Amino acid sequence: MEEQHNDNQLNIELSEEVAEGIFSNLAIITHSNTEFVLDFIRVMPGVPKARVKSRIILTPEHAKRLMVAMQDNLEKYEAAHGRIKTQEEPPGFPMNFGGPTAQA
């Protein structure tokens, strides 16, 4: 049997480290005329400082493609699992996760 080769096929490698992923509960998006910068941050309860855990830099065209892909996936998710409930307004800073403010 002959194996067909598709010249448009892209082989993507995923290292074990990257496959573990990075948890983020805050994203900050900025842009210039040539790029969009997505900073993914993990904010911890009671900790007044947070670090950017991952930064993704996209061209405007790729940012738009990402937005369309996210919208498509959210619609599919909600069709299968129900509407995702969100707060009407994003929480203000500092985020305290609904618990008491930390004291030293």
N, C-alpha and C. Protein backbone atom coordinates (compact mmCIF):
# COMPACT_ATOMS: atom_id res chain seq x y z
N MET A 1 0.85 -1.18 0.00
CA MET A 1 0.00 0.00 0.00
C MET A 1 0.90 1.24 0.00
N GLU A 2 0.59 2.17 -0.86
CA GLU A 2 1.39 3.37 -1.01
C GLU A 2 0.90 4.45 -0.06
N GLU A 3 1.82 5.09 0.61
CA GLU A 3 1.47 6.17 1.53
C GLU A 3 1.42 7.48 0.76
N GLN A 4 0.29 8.18 0.88
CA GLN A 4 0.17 9.46 0.21
C GLN A 4 0.80 10.54 1.08
N HIS A 5 1.53 11.44 0.44
CA HIS A 5 2.19 12.53 1.16
C HIS A 5 1.49 13.83 0.82
N ASN A 6 1.04 14.52 1.85
CA ASN A 6 0.36 15.79 1.67
C ASN A 6 1.37 16.91 1.94
N ASP A 7 1.70 17.70 0.92
CA ASP A 7 2.68 18.78 1.08
C ASP A 7 2.18 19.88 2.00
N ASN A 8 0.87 19.96 2.23
CA ASN A 8 0.31 20.99 3.10
C ASN A 8 0.23 20.55 4.56
N GLN A 9 0.69 19.33 4.86
CA GLN A 9 0.62 18.81 6.22
C GLN A 9 1.72 19.44 7.07
N LEU A 10 1.36 19.77 8.30
CA LEU A 10 2.30 20.36 9.24
C LEU A 10 2.44 19.44 10.43
N ASN A 11 3.64 19.00 10.69
CA ASN A 11 3.89 18.17 11.87
C ASN A 11 4.24 19.09 13.03
N ILE A 12 3.50 18.96 14.11
CA ILE A 12 3.69 19.80 15.28
C ILE A 12 4.20 18.95 16.42
N GLU A 13 5.28 19.39 17.04
CA GLU A 13 5.85 18.68 18.18
C GLU A 13 5.44 19.38 19.46
N LEU A 14 5.16 18.62 20.48
CA LEU A 14 4.76 19.13 21.79
C LEU A 14 5.64 18.48 22.84
N SER A 15 6.53 19.26 23.43
CA SER A 15 7.42 18.71 24.45
C SER A 15 6.61 18.41 25.71
N GLU A 16 7.15 17.55 26.57
CA GLU A 16 6.46 17.21 27.81
C GLU A 16 6.28 18.45 28.69
N GLU A 17 7.28 19.31 28.73
CA GLU A 17 7.21 20.51 29.56
C GLU A 17 6.08 21.43 29.10
N VAL A 18 5.98 21.65 27.80
CA VAL A 18 4.93 22.51 27.26
C VAL A 18 3.57 21.84 27.40
N ALA A 19 3.52 20.52 27.26
CA ALA A 19 2.26 19.78 27.35
C ALA A 19 1.64 19.89 28.75
N GLU A 20 2.46 20.13 29.77
CA GLU A 20 1.93 20.29 31.13
C GLU A 20 1.07 21.53 31.24
N GLY A 21 1.34 22.53 30.42
CA GLY A 21 0.56 23.75 30.44
C GLY A 21 0.92 24.65 31.61
N ILE A 22 0.36 25.85 31.58
CA ILE A 22 0.56 26.83 32.63
C ILE A 22 -0.80 27.37 33.02
N PHE A 23 -1.14 27.30 34.30
CA PHE A 23 -2.41 27.82 34.77
C PHE A 23 -2.37 29.34 34.82
N SER A 24 -3.41 29.96 34.31
CA SER A 24 -3.52 31.41 34.33
C SER A 24 -4.94 31.79 34.70
N ASN A 25 -5.08 32.78 35.59
CA ASN A 25 -6.41 33.26 35.93
C ASN A 25 -6.56 34.75 35.64
N LEU A 26 -5.59 35.28 34.89
CA LEU A 26 -5.66 36.67 34.45
C LEU A 26 -4.88 36.81 33.15
N ALA A 27 -5.47 37.49 32.19
CA ALA A 27 -4.78 37.77 30.93
C ALA A 27 -4.85 39.27 30.68
N ILE A 28 -3.74 39.81 30.26
CA ILE A 28 -3.68 41.23 29.90
C ILE A 28 -3.28 41.30 28.44
N ILE A 29 -4.06 42.03 27.66
CA ILE A 29 -3.81 42.13 26.22
C ILE A 29 -3.46 43.57 25.88
N THR A 30 -2.34 43.75 25.21
CA THR A 30 -1.94 45.07 24.73
C THR A 30 -1.63 44.94 23.24
N HIS A 31 -1.56 46.07 22.56
CA HIS A 31 -1.26 46.00 21.14
C HIS A 31 -0.57 47.28 20.67
N SER A 32 0.13 47.11 19.56
CA SER A 32 0.71 48.23 18.83
C SER A 32 0.16 48.13 17.42
N ASN A 33 0.68 48.92 16.52
CA ASN A 33 0.19 48.84 15.14
C ASN A 33 0.66 47.57 14.42
N THR A 34 1.63 46.85 14.99
CA THR A 34 2.17 45.68 14.31
C THR A 34 2.00 44.36 15.07
N GLU A 35 1.58 44.42 16.35
CA GLU A 35 1.50 43.18 17.12
C GLU A 35 0.51 43.28 18.27
N PHE A 36 0.02 42.11 18.68
CA PHE A 36 -0.79 41.97 19.88
C PHE A 36 0.04 41.16 20.87
N VAL A 37 0.05 41.59 22.12
CA VAL A 37 0.81 40.90 23.16
C VAL A 37 -0.20 40.39 24.19
N LEU A 38 -0.19 39.07 24.42
CA LEU A 38 -1.05 38.45 25.41
C LEU A 38 -0.17 37.98 26.56
N ASP A 39 -0.35 38.57 27.73
CA ASP A 39 0.38 38.16 28.92
C ASP A 39 -0.57 37.35 29.79
N PHE A 40 -0.15 36.13 30.15
CA PHE A 40 -0.94 35.24 30.99
C PHE A 40 -0.30 35.21 32.37
N ILE A 41 -1.13 35.49 33.38
CA ILE A 41 -0.65 35.72 34.74
C ILE A 41 -1.41 34.80 35.69
N ARG A 42 -0.72 34.37 36.75
CA ARG A 42 -1.37 33.61 37.81
C ARG A 42 -1.39 34.49 39.06
N VAL A 43 -2.60 34.88 39.48
CA VAL A 43 -2.77 35.69 40.69
C VAL A 43 -3.13 34.74 41.82
N MET A 44 -2.42 34.84 42.94
CA MET A 44 -2.66 33.97 44.08
C MET A 44 -3.37 34.76 45.18
N PRO A 45 -4.28 34.12 45.90
CA PRO A 45 -5.00 34.80 46.97
C PRO A 45 -4.04 35.36 48.02
N GLY A 46 -4.27 36.60 48.40
CA GLY A 46 -3.49 37.21 49.46
C GLY A 46 -2.08 37.61 49.09
N VAL A 47 -1.70 37.43 47.85
CA VAL A 47 -0.35 37.80 47.41
C VAL A 47 -0.48 39.05 46.54
N PRO A 48 0.11 40.16 46.97
CA PRO A 48 -0.08 41.42 46.25
C PRO A 48 0.73 41.54 44.96
N LYS A 49 1.55 40.55 44.66
CA LYS A 49 2.40 40.60 43.47
C LYS A 49 2.15 39.35 42.63
N ALA A 50 2.11 39.52 41.33
CA ALA A 50 1.93 38.38 40.42
C ALA A 50 2.91 38.50 39.28
N ARG A 51 3.31 37.36 38.73
CA ARG A 51 4.26 37.35 37.62
C ARG A 51 3.59 36.87 36.35
N VAL A 52 4.07 37.40 35.25
CA VAL A 52 3.64 36.90 33.95
C VAL A 52 4.23 35.50 33.80
N LYS A 53 3.38 34.52 33.55
CA LYS A 53 3.84 33.13 33.40
C LYS A 53 4.12 32.78 31.95
N SER A 54 3.46 33.49 31.03
CA SER A 54 3.67 33.22 29.61
C SER A 54 3.27 34.45 28.82
N ARG A 55 4.02 34.73 27.77
CA ARG A 55 3.72 35.85 26.88
C ARG A 55 3.66 35.32 25.45
N ILE A 56 2.58 35.66 24.78
CA ILE A 56 2.40 35.27 23.39
C ILE A 56 2.30 36.56 22.57
N ILE A 57 3.09 36.65 21.51
CA ILE A 57 3.08 37.82 20.64
C ILE A 57 2.55 37.38 19.27
N LEU A 58 1.51 38.09 18.81
CA LEU A 58 0.84 37.72 17.57
C LEU A 58 0.79 38.90 16.61
N THR A 59 0.77 38.60 15.32
CA THR A 59 0.47 39.63 14.34
C THR A 59 -1.02 39.96 14.45
N PRO A 60 -1.45 41.13 14.01
CA PRO A 60 -2.88 41.43 14.05
C PRO A 60 -3.74 40.39 13.34
N GLU A 61 -3.27 39.88 12.21
CA GLU A 61 -4.03 38.86 11.48
C GLU A 61 -4.19 37.58 12.32
N HIS A 62 -3.11 37.14 12.96
CA HIS A 62 -3.20 35.94 13.78
C HIS A 62 -4.04 36.19 15.04
N ALA A 63 -4.01 37.39 15.58
CA ALA A 63 -4.85 37.72 16.73
C ALA A 63 -6.32 37.59 16.35
N LYS A 64 -6.67 38.05 15.18
CA LYS A 64 -8.06 37.95 14.72
C LYS A 64 -8.44 36.49 14.49
N ARG A 65 -7.54 35.71 13.91
CA ARG A 65 -7.80 34.28 13.71
C ARG A 65 -7.99 33.57 15.05
N LEU A 66 -7.17 33.95 16.04
CA LEU A 66 -7.30 33.35 17.38
C LEU A 66 -8.67 33.70 17.98
N MET A 67 -9.10 34.96 17.83
CA MET A 67 -10.39 35.37 18.35
C MET A 67 -11.53 34.56 17.71
N VAL A 68 -11.47 34.38 16.41
CA VAL A 68 -12.50 33.61 15.71
C VAL A 68 -12.48 32.15 16.17
N ALA A 69 -11.29 31.58 16.31
CA ALA A 69 -11.17 30.19 16.76
C ALA A 69 -11.68 30.03 18.20
N MET A 70 -11.37 31.00 19.07
CA MET A 70 -11.87 30.94 20.45
C MET A 70 -13.39 31.04 20.47
N GLN A 71 -13.96 31.94 19.68
CA GLN A 71 -15.42 32.08 19.62
C GLN A 71 -16.06 30.78 19.16
N ASP A 72 -15.51 30.17 18.13
CA ASP A 72 -16.03 28.91 17.61
C ASP A 72 -15.98 27.82 18.68
N ASN A 73 -14.85 27.72 19.38
CA ASN A 73 -14.70 26.70 20.41
C ASN A 73 -15.61 26.96 21.61
N LEU A 74 -15.78 28.22 21.99
CA LEU A 74 -16.69 28.54 23.09
C LEU A 74 -18.13 28.16 22.74
N GLU A 75 -18.53 28.44 21.50
CA GLU A 75 -19.88 28.08 21.06
C GLU A 75 -20.07 26.57 21.09
N LYS A 76 -19.08 25.81 20.65
CA LYS A 76 -19.16 24.34 20.68
C LYS A 76 -19.20 23.83 22.11
N TYR A 77 -18.40 24.43 22.99
CA TYR A 77 -18.37 24.03 24.40
C TYR A 77 -19.74 24.26 25.03
N GLU A 78 -20.30 25.46 24.81
CA GLU A 78 -21.59 25.79 25.42
C GLU A 78 -22.72 24.94 24.84
N ALA A 79 -22.62 24.55 23.59
CA ALA A 79 -23.63 23.67 22.99
C ALA A 79 -23.60 22.30 23.67
N ALA A 80 -22.42 21.86 24.07
CA ALA A 80 -22.28 20.55 24.70
C ALA A 80 -22.48 20.58 26.22
N HIS A 81 -22.09 21.69 26.87
CA HIS A 81 -22.05 21.72 28.34
C HIS A 81 -22.91 22.80 28.98
N GLY A 82 -23.56 23.61 28.20
CA GLY A 82 -24.37 24.70 28.75
C GLY A 82 -23.60 26.00 28.78
N ARG A 83 -24.35 27.06 29.00
CA ARG A 83 -23.78 28.41 28.99
C ARG A 83 -22.76 28.59 30.10
N ILE A 84 -21.66 29.23 29.78
CA ILE A 84 -20.63 29.56 30.76
C ILE A 84 -21.07 30.84 31.46
N LYS A 85 -21.17 30.79 32.77
CA LYS A 85 -21.59 31.96 33.53
C LYS A 85 -20.38 32.83 33.82
N THR A 86 -20.53 34.13 33.58
CA THR A 86 -19.46 35.07 33.86
C THR A 86 -20.01 36.23 34.67
N GLN A 87 -19.13 36.94 35.37
CA GLN A 87 -19.53 38.14 36.08
C GLN A 87 -19.81 39.21 35.05
N GLU A 88 -20.74 40.10 35.37
CA GLU A 88 -21.07 41.19 34.45
C GLU A 88 -19.88 42.10 34.22
N GLU A 89 -19.14 42.42 35.27
CA GLU A 89 -17.99 43.29 35.15
C GLU A 89 -16.77 42.55 35.69
N PRO A 90 -15.62 42.75 35.07
CA PRO A 90 -14.42 42.08 35.59
C PRO A 90 -14.12 42.56 37.00
N PRO A 91 -13.58 41.67 37.84
CA PRO A 91 -13.26 42.07 39.20
C PRO A 91 -12.18 43.15 39.22
N GLY A 92 -12.27 44.03 40.18
CA GLY A 92 -11.26 45.08 40.33
C GLY A 92 -10.00 44.54 40.99
N PHE A 93 -9.00 45.34 41.00
CA PHE A 93 -7.75 44.95 41.65
C PHE A 93 -7.72 45.54 43.04
N PRO A 94 -7.15 44.95 44.05
CA PRO A 94 -6.59 43.61 43.97
C PRO A 94 -7.68 42.55 44.02
N MET A 95 -7.38 41.40 43.41
CA MET A 95 -8.32 40.29 43.44
C MET A 95 -8.10 39.54 44.75
N ASN A 96 -9.17 39.32 45.51
CA ASN A 96 -9.00 38.61 46.77
C ASN A 96 -9.70 37.26 46.77
N PHE A 97 -10.22 36.83 45.64
CA PHE A 97 -10.84 35.53 45.48
C PHE A 97 -11.99 35.30 46.46
N GLY A 98 -12.63 36.39 46.88
CA GLY A 98 -13.79 36.26 47.75
C GLY A 98 -13.45 36.01 49.20
N GLY A 99 -12.20 35.95 49.55
CA GLY A 99 -11.81 35.69 50.93
C GLY A 99 -11.34 36.96 51.60
N PRO A 100 -10.92 36.83 52.86
CA PRO A 100 -10.44 38.01 53.57
C PRO A 100 -9.13 38.50 53.00
N THR A 101 -8.85 39.78 53.21
CA THR A 101 -7.59 40.35 52.78
C THR A 101 -6.47 39.82 53.65
N ALA A 102 -5.36 39.42 53.04
CA ALA A 102 -4.25 38.87 53.80
C ALA A 102 -3.58 39.95 54.64
N GLN A 103 -3.12 39.54 55.81
CA GLN A 103 -2.39 40.45 56.69
C GLN A 103 -1.11 39.77 57.13
N ALA A 104 -0.05 40.55 57.27
CA ALA A 104 1.23 39.99 57.70
C ALA A 104 1.30 39.91 59.20
